[in-house]
N, C-alpha and C. Protein backbone atom coordinates (compact mmCIF):
# COMPACT_ATOMS: atom_id res chain seq x y z
N MET A 1 0.82 -1.31 0.21
CA MET A 1 0.17 -0.09 -0.19
C MET A 1 0.92 1.14 -0.22
N PRO A 2 0.54 2.10 -1.01
CA PRO A 2 1.35 3.33 -0.65
C PRO A 2 0.71 4.02 0.39
N LEU A 3 1.64 5.45 1.11
CA LEU A 3 1.47 6.29 2.12
C LEU A 3 0.23 6.66 2.13
N ARG A 4 -0.84 6.58 3.11
CA ARG A 4 -1.97 6.98 3.26
C ARG A 4 -1.85 8.81 4.21
N ALA A 5 -0.95 8.93 5.04
CA ALA A 5 -0.62 10.09 5.55
C ALA A 5 0.72 11.03 5.44
N ALA A 6 0.70 12.24 5.08
CA ALA A 6 1.86 12.86 4.90
C ALA A 6 1.75 13.88 6.46
N LEU A 7 2.32 13.76 7.32
CA LEU A 7 2.79 15.04 8.34
C LEU A 7 3.88 15.46 8.09
N PHE A 8 3.71 17.16 8.36
CA PHE A 8 4.58 17.99 8.16
C PHE A 8 5.01 18.84 9.19
N ASP A 9 6.59 18.81 9.48
CA ASP A 9 6.81 20.27 9.86
C ASP A 9 6.47 21.29 9.48
N LEU A 10 6.62 22.34 10.26
CA LEU A 10 6.29 23.34 9.61
C LEU A 10 7.54 24.59 9.46
N ASP A 11 8.45 24.71 10.14
CA ASP A 11 9.33 26.16 10.31
C ASP A 11 10.09 25.26 9.63
N GLY A 12 11.11 25.42 8.49
CA GLY A 12 12.42 24.43 7.81
C GLY A 12 11.59 23.81 6.85
N THR A 13 10.15 23.61 6.67
CA THR A 13 9.97 22.46 5.90
C THR A 13 8.70 22.93 5.25
N LEU A 14 7.59 23.36 5.52
CA LEU A 14 6.55 23.91 5.03
C LEU A 14 7.18 25.62 4.90
N VAL A 15 7.64 26.56 5.70
CA VAL A 15 8.05 27.96 4.78
C VAL A 15 9.10 28.15 6.17
N ASP A 16 9.31 29.43 5.27
CA ASP A 16 10.89 29.86 5.55
C ASP A 16 10.75 30.80 6.38
N SER A 17 10.69 30.48 7.83
CA SER A 17 10.42 31.42 8.70
C SER A 17 11.82 31.78 9.50
N LEU A 18 12.87 31.56 9.22
CA LEU A 18 13.64 32.11 10.03
C LEU A 18 14.41 33.55 10.23
N ALA A 19 14.09 34.18 9.17
CA ALA A 19 14.01 35.96 9.02
C ALA A 19 13.37 36.44 10.21
N ASP A 20 11.91 35.45 10.77
CA ASP A 20 11.11 36.35 11.30
C ASP A 20 11.09 36.37 12.42
N ILE A 21 11.49 34.96 12.79
CA ILE A 21 11.81 34.19 14.43
C ILE A 21 12.91 34.99 14.99
N ALA A 22 13.83 34.96 13.87
CA ALA A 22 15.28 36.04 14.48
C ALA A 22 15.18 37.53 15.02
N ALA A 23 14.31 38.09 14.47
CA ALA A 23 14.08 39.66 13.90
C ALA A 23 13.62 39.16 15.73
N ALA A 24 12.29 38.68 15.51
CA ALA A 24 11.43 39.14 17.21
C ALA A 24 12.40 38.59 18.27
N MET A 25 13.35 37.67 18.16
CA MET A 25 13.92 37.02 19.35
C MET A 25 14.87 38.39 19.30
N ASN A 26 15.41 38.76 18.44
CA ASN A 26 16.64 39.73 18.48
C ASN A 26 16.47 41.23 19.24
N HIS A 27 14.81 41.03 18.72
CA HIS A 27 14.12 42.59 19.38
C HIS A 27 14.14 42.13 20.61
N SER A 28 13.74 40.98 21.42
CA SER A 28 13.80 41.02 22.75
C SER A 28 14.84 41.07 23.24
N LEU A 29 15.99 40.14 22.99
CA LEU A 29 17.38 40.53 23.17
C LEU A 29 17.84 41.71 23.87
N ALA A 30 17.33 42.57 22.74
CA ALA A 30 17.98 43.67 22.70
C ALA A 30 17.58 45.06 24.02
N HIS A 31 15.88 44.18 23.80
CA HIS A 31 15.14 44.78 25.03
C HIS A 31 15.75 44.49 26.50
N HIS A 32 16.32 43.50 26.70
CA HIS A 32 16.75 42.79 27.90
C HIS A 32 18.40 43.48 27.98
N GLY A 33 18.89 44.17 27.08
CA GLY A 33 20.26 44.60 27.08
C GLY A 33 21.10 43.29 26.58
N LEU A 34 20.81 42.59 26.10
CA LEU A 34 21.52 41.09 25.85
C LEU A 34 21.83 41.46 24.19
N PRO A 35 23.06 40.56 24.10
CA PRO A 35 23.30 40.38 22.71
C PRO A 35 22.78 39.72 21.43
N THR A 36 22.71 40.34 20.38
CA THR A 36 21.60 39.53 19.45
C THR A 36 22.43 38.86 18.74
N HIS A 37 21.99 37.90 17.60
CA HIS A 37 23.00 37.06 16.73
C HIS A 37 22.42 37.45 15.53
N PRO A 38 23.26 37.07 14.29
CA PRO A 38 22.95 36.79 12.93
C PRO A 38 21.81 35.96 12.64
N THR A 39 20.90 36.42 11.77
CA THR A 39 20.02 35.32 11.13
C THR A 39 20.16 34.02 11.17
N SER A 40 21.55 33.73 10.59
CA SER A 40 22.07 32.17 10.32
C SER A 40 22.33 31.31 11.64
N ALA A 41 22.27 31.97 12.76
CA ALA A 41 23.04 31.37 14.10
C ALA A 41 21.60 30.83 14.45
N TYR A 42 20.02 31.28 14.15
CA TYR A 42 18.96 30.57 14.57
C TYR A 42 18.56 29.32 14.24
N SER A 43 19.40 29.17 12.70
CA SER A 43 19.30 27.25 12.10
C SER A 43 19.21 26.63 13.47
N HIS A 44 20.00 26.88 14.29
CA HIS A 44 20.62 26.28 15.33
C HIS A 44 20.09 26.05 16.67
N PHE A 45 19.67 27.08 17.17
CA PHE A 45 18.67 27.53 18.11
C PHE A 45 17.23 27.65 17.63
N VAL A 46 16.52 27.06 16.85
CA VAL A 46 15.10 26.63 16.92
C VAL A 46 15.15 25.24 16.48
N GLY A 47 13.92 24.95 16.86
CA GLY A 47 13.14 23.07 16.49
C GLY A 47 12.78 22.61 17.70
N GLU A 48 13.30 22.87 18.67
CA GLU A 48 12.65 22.21 20.38
C GLU A 48 12.12 23.10 20.59
N GLY A 49 10.96 24.10 20.43
CA GLY A 49 10.01 25.03 21.30
C GLY A 49 10.70 26.00 21.56
N VAL A 50 10.05 26.86 22.43
CA VAL A 50 10.52 28.09 22.30
C VAL A 50 11.00 28.40 23.50
N MET A 51 10.99 27.86 24.47
CA MET A 51 11.64 27.72 25.73
C MET A 51 13.31 27.47 25.83
N GLU A 52 13.26 27.01 24.86
CA GLU A 52 14.91 26.18 24.28
C GLU A 52 15.43 27.01 23.26
N LEU A 53 14.57 27.84 22.62
CA LEU A 53 15.04 29.18 21.90
C LEU A 53 15.61 30.02 22.33
N ALA A 54 14.46 30.66 23.50
CA ALA A 54 15.40 31.41 24.45
C ALA A 54 16.57 31.27 24.94
N ARG A 55 16.90 29.95 25.49
CA ARG A 55 17.78 29.51 25.98
C ARG A 55 19.01 29.43 25.84
N ARG A 56 18.74 28.68 24.46
CA ARG A 56 19.97 29.17 23.64
C ARG A 56 20.12 30.46 22.90
N ALA A 57 19.34 31.35 22.64
CA ALA A 57 19.71 32.90 22.44
C ALA A 57 19.81 33.58 23.58
N ALA A 58 19.64 33.20 24.46
CA ALA A 58 20.57 33.95 25.91
C ALA A 58 21.84 33.57 26.09
N SER A 59 22.23 32.16 25.67
CA SER A 59 23.57 31.83 25.93
C SER A 59 23.40 31.59 27.34
N GLY A 60 22.72 31.25 27.64
CA GLY A 60 22.46 30.91 29.74
C GLY A 60 21.02 31.67 29.97
N GLY A 61 21.47 31.96 31.29
CA GLY A 61 20.59 32.44 32.09
C GLY A 61 19.73 31.76 32.72
N ASP A 62 19.06 31.91 33.42
CA ASP A 62 17.74 31.40 34.00
C ASP A 62 16.36 31.27 33.83
N GLU A 63 15.50 30.92 34.33
CA GLU A 63 14.24 30.48 33.74
C GLU A 63 13.77 31.87 33.82
N ALA A 64 13.55 32.41 35.13
CA ALA A 64 12.89 33.55 34.88
C ALA A 64 13.23 34.71 33.63
N LEU A 65 14.74 34.97 33.45
CA LEU A 65 14.91 35.62 32.41
C LEU A 65 14.47 34.21 30.91
N HIS A 66 14.64 33.47 30.94
CA HIS A 66 13.94 32.92 29.67
C HIS A 66 12.35 33.67 29.70
N THR A 67 11.44 33.42 30.61
CA THR A 67 10.30 33.84 30.40
C THR A 67 9.80 35.30 30.38
N SER A 68 10.69 36.18 30.77
CA SER A 68 11.16 37.48 30.19
C SER A 68 10.86 37.41 28.92
N LEU A 69 12.13 36.71 28.28
CA LEU A 69 12.48 36.66 26.79
C LEU A 69 11.58 36.42 26.18
N LEU A 70 10.38 35.45 26.20
CA LEU A 70 9.39 35.16 25.73
C LEU A 70 8.39 35.59 25.54
N THR A 71 8.31 36.54 27.16
CA THR A 71 6.78 37.34 26.71
C THR A 71 7.34 38.32 26.00
N VAL A 72 8.30 39.20 25.68
CA VAL A 72 8.45 39.95 24.74
C VAL A 72 8.90 39.54 23.50
N TYR A 73 8.99 38.52 23.36
CA TYR A 73 9.19 38.07 22.14
C TYR A 73 7.62 37.71 21.52
N ARG A 74 7.37 37.34 22.02
CA ARG A 74 5.88 36.59 21.65
C ARG A 74 4.98 37.78 21.25
N ALA A 75 4.89 38.89 22.23
CA ALA A 75 4.38 39.74 21.44
C ALA A 75 4.48 40.42 20.04
N TYR A 76 6.29 40.65 19.93
CA TYR A 76 6.74 40.78 18.62
C TYR A 76 6.10 40.24 17.78
N TYR A 77 6.44 39.14 18.17
CA TYR A 77 6.33 37.95 16.98
C TYR A 77 4.89 37.73 16.33
N ALA A 78 3.93 38.07 17.43
CA ALA A 78 2.31 38.53 16.65
C ALA A 78 2.22 39.25 15.82
N GLU A 79 2.65 40.30 15.74
CA GLU A 79 2.89 41.23 15.20
C GLU A 79 3.73 41.40 13.68
N HIS A 80 4.65 40.33 13.53
CA HIS A 80 5.72 40.50 12.76
C HIS A 80 5.43 38.93 12.01
N LEU A 81 4.84 38.09 12.37
CA LEU A 81 5.18 36.33 11.76
C LEU A 81 4.97 36.27 10.30
N PHE A 82 4.25 37.28 9.94
CA PHE A 82 3.96 37.70 8.49
C PHE A 82 5.42 38.37 7.67
N ASP A 83 5.81 39.11 8.38
CA ASP A 83 6.69 40.04 7.47
C ASP A 83 8.12 39.74 6.20
N GLN A 84 8.35 38.42 6.48
CA GLN A 84 9.17 37.69 5.80
C GLN A 84 9.00 36.39 5.54
N THR A 85 7.95 35.74 6.16
CA THR A 85 7.89 34.06 6.51
C THR A 85 7.15 33.74 5.39
N VAL A 86 7.44 33.11 4.11
CA VAL A 86 6.95 32.32 2.87
C VAL A 86 6.73 30.70 2.97
N VAL A 87 5.77 30.26 1.85
CA VAL A 87 5.70 29.12 1.80
C VAL A 87 7.42 28.50 0.78
N PHE A 88 7.97 27.48 1.31
CA PHE A 88 8.98 27.39 -0.06
C PHE A 88 8.43 27.38 -1.24
N PRO A 89 9.22 27.29 -2.12
CA PRO A 89 9.06 27.04 -3.83
C PRO A 89 8.65 25.58 -3.93
N GLY A 90 7.39 25.68 -4.68
CA GLY A 90 6.79 23.90 -5.28
C GLY A 90 5.93 23.72 -4.14
N LEU A 91 6.08 23.79 -2.85
CA LEU A 91 4.91 22.67 -2.12
C LEU A 91 3.65 23.16 -1.97
N LEU A 92 3.09 24.16 -2.50
CA LEU A 92 1.44 24.49 -2.46
C LEU A 92 1.34 23.72 -3.71
N PRO A 93 1.44 23.38 -5.06
CA PRO A 93 1.05 22.88 -5.66
C PRO A 93 1.44 21.38 -5.21
N LEU A 94 2.45 20.98 -4.90
CA LEU A 94 2.57 19.57 -4.42
C LEU A 94 1.68 19.07 -3.27
N LEU A 95 1.31 19.73 -2.21
CA LEU A 95 0.30 19.24 -1.33
C LEU A 95 -1.22 19.23 -2.39
N ALA A 96 -1.65 20.38 -3.36
CA ALA A 96 -2.55 19.96 -3.97
C ALA A 96 -2.93 18.38 -4.66
N GLU A 97 -1.53 18.24 -4.77
CA GLU A 97 -1.41 17.43 -5.68
C GLU A 97 -1.40 16.04 -4.86
N LEU A 98 -0.90 16.03 -3.66
CA LEU A 98 -1.02 14.84 -2.74
C LEU A 98 -2.42 14.40 -2.18
N ASP A 99 -3.32 15.87 -2.08
CA ASP A 99 -4.44 15.66 -1.35
C ASP A 99 -5.36 15.18 -2.31
N ARG A 100 -5.45 15.41 -3.99
CA ARG A 100 -6.18 15.15 -4.96
C ARG A 100 -5.87 13.42 -5.22
N GLU A 101 -4.59 12.55 -4.67
CA GLU A 101 -4.17 11.47 -4.81
C GLU A 101 -4.77 10.97 -2.97
N GLY A 102 -5.44 11.63 -2.43
CA GLY A 102 -5.94 10.88 -1.27
C GLY A 102 -5.28 10.28 0.08
N VAL A 103 -4.12 11.40 -0.48
CA VAL A 103 -3.35 11.43 1.16
C VAL A 103 -3.88 12.15 1.97
N LYS A 104 -3.95 11.97 3.18
CA LYS A 104 -4.20 12.95 4.10
C LYS A 104 -3.03 13.93 4.64
N LEU A 105 -3.81 14.95 4.78
CA LEU A 105 -2.13 15.97 5.18
C LEU A 105 -2.40 16.64 6.65
N ALA A 106 -1.11 16.68 7.09
CA ALA A 106 -1.18 17.27 8.77
C ALA A 106 -0.10 17.86 8.84
N VAL A 107 -0.21 19.18 9.80
CA VAL A 107 1.26 19.94 10.34
C VAL A 107 0.87 19.61 12.02
N LEU A 108 2.14 18.88 12.36
CA LEU A 108 2.80 19.05 13.78
C LEU A 108 4.31 19.29 13.70
N SER A 109 3.71 20.67 14.36
CA SER A 109 5.22 21.47 14.95
C SER A 109 5.42 21.69 15.63
N ASN A 110 7.25 22.12 16.68
CA ASN A 110 7.47 22.13 17.90
C ASN A 110 6.70 24.28 18.42
N LYS A 111 6.29 24.57 17.09
CA LYS A 111 6.14 25.87 17.34
C LYS A 111 5.09 26.16 17.96
N SER A 112 4.66 27.13 18.90
CA SER A 112 3.55 27.30 19.68
C SER A 112 2.19 26.80 19.02
N ASP A 113 0.91 26.77 19.16
CA ASP A 113 0.44 26.26 18.62
C ASP A 113 -0.54 27.50 18.01
N GLY A 114 -0.87 28.46 18.59
CA GLY A 114 -1.61 29.22 18.43
C GLY A 114 -0.72 30.43 16.79
N PHE A 115 0.61 30.28 17.37
CA PHE A 115 1.49 30.68 15.87
C PHE A 115 1.47 29.96 14.78
N THR A 116 1.43 28.64 14.83
CA THR A 116 1.14 27.62 14.15
C THR A 116 0.12 27.78 13.50
N LYS A 117 -0.88 27.49 14.41
CA LYS A 117 -2.48 27.97 13.28
C LYS A 117 -2.15 28.84 12.38
N LYS A 118 -1.98 29.81 12.93
CA LYS A 118 -1.99 31.29 12.15
C LYS A 118 -1.59 31.26 10.93
N LEU A 119 -0.03 30.86 10.87
CA LEU A 119 1.01 30.65 9.82
C LEU A 119 0.40 29.90 8.74
N VAL A 120 -0.02 28.88 9.35
CA VAL A 120 -0.50 27.42 8.25
C VAL A 120 -2.08 28.67 7.45
N LYS A 121 -2.70 29.05 8.33
CA LYS A 121 -4.10 29.46 7.69
C LYS A 121 -3.82 30.78 7.04
N GLY A 122 -2.75 31.28 7.59
CA GLY A 122 -2.62 32.86 6.36
C GLY A 122 -2.11 32.84 5.24
N LEU A 123 -0.72 31.73 5.30
CA LEU A 123 -0.17 31.45 4.05
C LEU A 123 -0.81 30.03 3.11
N MET A 124 -1.17 29.27 4.05
CA MET A 124 -1.54 28.01 2.99
C MET A 124 -3.17 27.76 3.41
N PRO A 125 -3.94 28.89 2.96
CA PRO A 125 -5.31 28.67 3.32
C PRO A 125 -6.07 27.82 2.16
N ASP A 126 -5.63 27.29 1.14
CA ASP A 126 -6.52 26.29 0.51
C ASP A 126 -6.04 24.84 0.49
N VAL A 127 -4.89 24.77 1.53
CA VAL A 127 -4.43 23.83 1.46
C VAL A 127 -5.84 22.66 2.48
N PRO A 128 -6.35 21.62 2.08
CA PRO A 128 -7.05 20.79 3.19
C PRO A 128 -6.43 20.02 3.89
N PHE A 129 -5.15 20.36 5.16
CA PHE A 129 -5.00 19.88 6.00
C PHE A 129 -6.22 19.02 7.17
N ALA A 130 -5.72 17.94 7.32
CA ALA A 130 -7.06 17.13 8.17
C ALA A 130 -6.66 17.60 9.86
N ALA A 131 -4.93 17.96 10.15
CA ALA A 131 -5.08 18.23 11.63
C ALA A 131 -4.07 19.53 11.41
N VAL A 132 -3.72 20.73 11.98
CA VAL A 132 -2.74 21.52 12.15
C VAL A 132 -2.46 21.72 13.74
N TYR A 133 -1.55 21.09 14.19
CA TYR A 133 -0.54 21.38 15.98
C TYR A 133 0.08 21.77 16.09
N GLY A 134 0.01 22.85 16.95
CA GLY A 134 1.53 23.08 17.48
C GLY A 134 1.88 22.53 18.81
N GLU A 135 3.07 23.55 19.46
CA GLU A 135 3.09 22.84 21.22
C GLU A 135 1.85 22.99 21.73
N ARG A 136 1.40 21.90 22.74
CA ARG A 136 0.10 22.57 23.25
C ARG A 136 0.65 21.88 24.98
N PRO A 137 0.36 22.39 25.88
CA PRO A 137 0.30 22.50 26.88
C PRO A 137 -0.28 20.66 27.24
N GLY A 138 0.86 20.11 27.64
CA GLY A 138 0.48 18.89 28.66
C GLY A 138 0.98 17.92 27.66
N ILE A 139 1.35 18.38 26.74
CA ILE A 139 1.60 17.17 25.51
C ILE A 139 3.40 17.49 25.03
N PRO A 140 3.85 16.14 25.55
CA PRO A 140 5.27 16.55 24.86
C PRO A 140 5.99 16.95 23.68
N ARG A 141 6.85 17.77 23.57
CA ARG A 141 7.38 18.00 22.34
C ARG A 141 7.86 16.85 21.81
N LYS A 142 7.81 17.13 20.08
CA LYS A 142 9.17 16.50 19.08
C LYS A 142 9.71 16.43 20.06
N PRO A 143 11.04 15.26 19.83
CA PRO A 143 11.05 14.22 19.04
C PRO A 143 10.17 13.13 19.77
N ASP A 144 9.56 13.59 21.34
CA ASP A 144 8.64 12.66 21.73
C ASP A 144 7.51 11.58 20.72
N PRO A 145 7.08 10.79 20.13
CA PRO A 145 6.54 10.38 19.46
C PRO A 145 5.04 10.61 19.86
N THR A 146 4.55 10.74 21.37
CA THR A 146 3.23 10.91 21.48
C THR A 146 2.54 11.72 20.19
N ALA A 147 2.38 13.51 20.16
CA ALA A 147 1.62 13.87 19.45
C ALA A 147 1.96 13.22 18.27
N ALA A 148 2.31 13.01 17.63
CA ALA A 148 2.42 11.86 16.12
C ALA A 148 1.70 11.35 16.06
N LEU A 149 1.93 10.13 16.87
CA LEU A 149 0.67 9.04 17.10
C LEU A 149 -0.46 9.52 17.18
N ALA A 150 -0.84 10.26 18.16
CA ALA A 150 -2.37 10.75 18.83
C ALA A 150 -2.55 11.57 17.10
N LEU A 151 -2.00 12.05 16.61
CA LEU A 151 -2.37 12.81 15.03
C LEU A 151 -2.57 11.78 14.19
N ALA A 152 -1.75 10.55 14.15
CA ALA A 152 -1.82 9.23 13.20
C ALA A 152 -3.62 9.00 13.55
N GLN A 153 -3.40 8.60 15.11
CA GLN A 153 -4.59 7.54 15.29
C GLN A 153 -5.93 8.78 15.00
N GLU A 154 -5.86 10.31 15.15
CA GLU A 154 -6.88 10.93 14.54
C GLU A 154 -7.06 11.07 13.25
N LEU A 155 -6.20 10.75 12.49
CA LEU A 155 -6.26 10.59 11.24
C LEU A 155 -6.92 9.39 10.16
N GLY A 156 -6.88 8.27 11.51
CA GLY A 156 -7.61 7.45 11.24
C GLY A 156 -6.71 6.19 10.45
N VAL A 157 -5.18 6.48 10.48
CA VAL A 157 -4.50 6.01 9.69
C VAL A 157 -3.00 5.18 10.60
N ALA A 158 -2.66 4.39 10.43
CA ALA A 158 -1.85 3.58 11.28
C ALA A 158 -0.53 4.26 11.12
N PRO A 159 0.19 4.19 12.30
CA PRO A 159 1.65 4.65 11.85
C PRO A 159 2.68 4.55 10.85
N GLY A 160 2.49 3.15 10.56
CA GLY A 160 3.40 2.57 9.30
C GLY A 160 2.88 2.94 8.06
N ASP A 161 1.75 3.68 8.14
CA ASP A 161 1.01 4.16 6.48
C ASP A 161 1.37 5.87 6.60
N CYS A 162 2.12 6.26 7.32
CA CYS A 162 2.27 7.73 7.61
C CYS A 162 3.65 8.43 7.06
N ALA A 163 3.74 8.87 6.58
CA ALA A 163 5.26 9.49 6.12
C ALA A 163 5.52 11.26 7.49
N PHE A 164 6.35 10.88 7.66
CA PHE A 164 6.51 12.43 8.69
C PHE A 164 7.95 13.08 8.07
N VAL A 165 7.50 14.40 7.82
CA VAL A 165 8.49 15.25 6.59
C VAL A 165 8.76 15.72 7.18
N GLY A 166 10.22 16.39 7.73
CA GLY A 166 10.70 17.29 8.77
C GLY A 166 12.15 18.20 7.93
N ASP A 167 13.41 19.20 8.71
CA ASP A 167 14.31 19.60 8.23
C ASP A 167 15.44 19.35 9.33
N THR A 168 15.17 18.49 10.46
CA THR A 168 16.00 18.65 11.18
C THR A 168 15.86 16.96 12.15
N SER A 169 17.15 16.67 12.53
CA SER A 169 17.09 15.33 13.44
C SER A 169 16.06 15.64 14.21
N VAL A 170 15.16 16.44 14.71
CA VAL A 170 14.08 16.16 16.04
C VAL A 170 12.96 15.58 15.27
N ASP A 171 12.81 15.78 14.03
CA ASP A 171 11.54 15.12 12.94
C ASP A 171 12.30 13.71 12.61
N MET A 172 13.32 13.69 12.43
CA MET A 172 13.87 12.50 12.13
C MET A 172 13.53 11.25 13.22
N ASP A 173 14.05 11.61 14.52
CA ASP A 173 13.86 11.24 15.64
C ASP A 173 12.43 10.90 15.98
N THR A 174 11.16 12.01 15.68
CA THR A 174 10.14 11.77 15.82
C THR A 174 9.47 10.81 15.14
N ALA A 175 10.10 10.22 13.54
CA ALA A 175 9.47 10.19 12.89
C ALA A 175 9.84 8.04 12.86
N ARG A 176 10.97 8.05 13.68
CA ARG A 176 11.71 6.69 14.45
C ARG A 176 10.64 6.18 15.19
N GLY A 177 10.63 7.09 16.39
CA GLY A 177 10.38 6.87 17.32
C GLY A 177 8.96 6.45 17.06
N ALA A 178 7.97 7.01 16.52
CA ALA A 178 6.65 6.98 16.27
C ALA A 178 6.10 5.47 15.33
N GLY A 179 7.23 5.03 14.53
CA GLY A 179 7.35 3.59 13.34
C GLY A 179 6.25 4.30 12.42
N MET A 180 7.39 5.56 11.87
CA MET A 180 6.77 6.77 10.41
C MET A 180 7.59 6.38 9.51
N VAL A 181 7.52 6.55 8.48
CA VAL A 181 8.54 6.68 7.96
C VAL A 181 9.08 7.92 7.54
N SER A 182 10.45 8.14 7.89
CA SER A 182 11.24 9.22 8.00
C SER A 182 12.01 10.00 6.49
N VAL A 183 11.29 11.53 6.35
CA VAL A 183 11.38 12.29 5.17
C VAL A 183 12.07 13.28 5.02
N GLY A 184 13.59 13.80 5.09
CA GLY A 184 14.07 14.97 5.85
C GLY A 184 14.22 15.94 4.26
N VAL A 185 13.72 16.90 4.25
CA VAL A 185 14.02 18.01 3.47
C VAL A 185 15.26 19.04 3.19
N THR A 186 15.95 19.04 2.68
CA THR A 186 17.63 19.80 2.83
C THR A 186 17.54 21.07 2.26
N TRP A 187 16.25 21.95 2.30
CA TRP A 187 16.18 23.45 1.87
C TRP A 187 16.00 24.14 3.40
N GLY A 188 15.88 23.16 4.36
CA GLY A 188 15.41 23.72 5.74
C GLY A 188 16.66 25.08 6.59
N PHE A 189 16.34 24.29 7.98
CA PHE A 189 17.33 25.08 8.81
C PHE A 189 19.09 24.10 9.06
N ARG A 190 18.85 22.69 8.71
CA ARG A 190 20.00 21.76 8.97
C ARG A 190 20.98 21.54 7.62
N GLY A 191 21.34 20.42 7.70
CA GLY A 191 21.85 20.02 6.15
C GLY A 191 21.54 18.43 6.14
N VAL A 192 22.06 17.47 5.27
CA VAL A 192 22.12 16.48 4.83
C VAL A 192 22.13 15.44 6.04
N GLU A 193 23.72 15.78 6.36
CA GLU A 193 24.34 15.07 7.34
C GLU A 193 23.63 14.85 8.56
N GLU A 194 22.94 15.65 9.17
CA GLU A 194 21.99 15.63 10.55
C GLU A 194 21.31 14.84 9.93
N LEU A 195 20.49 14.86 8.52
CA LEU A 195 19.33 13.79 8.17
C LEU A 195 19.86 12.54 8.83
N ARG A 196 20.57 12.48 7.36
CA ARG A 196 20.95 11.15 7.46
C ARG A 196 21.60 10.17 8.98
N ALA A 197 22.10 11.33 9.79
CA ALA A 197 22.42 10.13 10.88
C ALA A 197 21.80 10.47 12.00
N HIS A 198 20.38 10.78 11.61
CA HIS A 198 19.00 10.25 12.27
C HIS A 198 18.00 9.49 11.50
N GLY A 199 18.58 8.99 10.55
CA GLY A 199 17.70 7.87 10.37
C GLY A 199 16.72 8.44 8.73
N ALA A 200 17.19 9.45 8.39
CA ALA A 200 15.72 9.68 7.31
C ALA A 200 16.21 8.51 5.93
N GLN A 201 14.84 7.73 5.95
CA GLN A 201 14.84 6.70 4.57
C GLN A 201 14.76 7.20 3.84
N ALA A 202 14.68 8.87 2.96
CA ALA A 202 14.55 8.91 1.88
C ALA A 202 14.89 10.84 2.26
N LEU A 203 15.31 10.91 0.97
CA LEU A 203 15.74 13.00 1.41
C LEU A 203 15.63 13.58 -0.10
N ALA A 204 15.01 14.98 0.01
CA ALA A 204 14.29 15.55 -0.89
C ALA A 204 15.47 16.47 -0.97
N THR A 205 15.84 17.45 -1.88
CA THR A 205 16.22 18.77 -2.41
C THR A 205 15.35 19.75 -3.15
N THR A 206 14.11 18.97 -3.42
CA THR A 206 13.53 20.45 -4.22
C THR A 206 12.39 19.41 -3.77
N ALA A 207 10.75 20.61 -4.20
CA ALA A 207 9.51 19.99 -4.06
C ALA A 207 9.17 18.62 -4.67
N GLU A 208 9.74 18.78 -5.87
CA GLU A 208 9.31 17.79 -7.15
C GLU A 208 10.26 16.40 -6.70
N GLU A 209 11.32 16.48 -5.89
CA GLU A 209 12.49 15.28 -5.20
C GLU A 209 11.11 15.13 -3.99
N LEU A 210 10.83 15.86 -3.32
CA LEU A 210 9.63 15.34 -2.41
C LEU A 210 8.73 14.52 -2.77
N GLY A 211 7.83 14.89 -3.77
CA GLY A 211 7.17 14.46 -4.03
C GLY A 211 6.93 12.93 -4.74
N ALA A 212 8.40 12.42 -5.33
CA ALA A 212 8.83 11.36 -5.71
C ALA A 212 8.82 10.84 -4.75
N ALA A 213 9.27 11.14 -3.60
CA ALA A 213 10.15 10.53 -2.45
C ALA A 213 8.83 9.81 -2.11
N LEU A 214 7.43 10.60 -1.81
CA LEU A 214 6.24 10.41 -0.99
C LEU A 214 5.60 9.46 -1.79
N ARG A 215 5.48 9.29 -3.04
CA ARG A 215 4.84 8.47 -3.73
C ARG A 215 5.72 7.49 -3.69
N GLY A 216 7.06 7.24 -3.93
CA GLY A 216 7.95 6.31 -4.36
C GLY A 216 8.04 5.14 -2.79
N VAL A 217 8.21 5.51 -1.62
CA VAL A 217 8.02 5.22 -0.56
C VAL A 217 6.92 4.43 -0.16
N ARG A 218 7.07 3.18 0.23
CA ARG A 218 5.85 2.05 0.86
C ARG A 218 6.31 2.20 2.46
N ALA A 219 4.56 1.98 2.82
CA ALA A 219 4.94 1.83 4.09
C ALA A 219 5.87 0.77 4.68
N GLY A 220 6.50 0.40 5.62
CA GLY A 220 7.30 0.13 6.13
C GLY A 220 8.30 -0.75 5.31
N GLY A 221 8.53 0.53 4.65
CA GLY A 221 9.62 0.59 3.59
C GLY A 221 11.05 1.30 3.39
């Protein structure tokens, strides 16, 4: 059987959001009198939730500092999350094709749930995602497979019939932990070596290659 569902990470996989994330956190760092970072540095700060983003951007500090950083970050980001963020080339037509082929589509991100939903609705309003989830209270973040497994159950698809598509080790580890097919995209925030080292079963450098990978991989293969 071909894969019946494709679960997508958001930042670095579906959308190029690094510049807006960096701008928001740099704004918060400057507000707190802390050094800022070039946008490229944020490619290694993101991926494991906003608290980890704050900790890495602050180069340490205590929980009170991180919480304060995030308060300013969230307020700024809420007003600027569409400034430079765009869908990666070729993905909108691919998602439409997959839907026509009967593949169930969903998003699972470590980004805050509200921002995840807002970005998907704003940038991909015509994509019929069956579910869109970000980080939610009480649910472990990726790479813990809990959310991915719950999402597969919600879609009515066995984990082995799902592909998990992402751009970081976190996504590949999530796929492996959930028993899903791991598909890495190389246009995101990390590199081929990281994806391979964490068990990517297929790699794509373009939307066309991603489509071929999703159509070519068989559940459990």
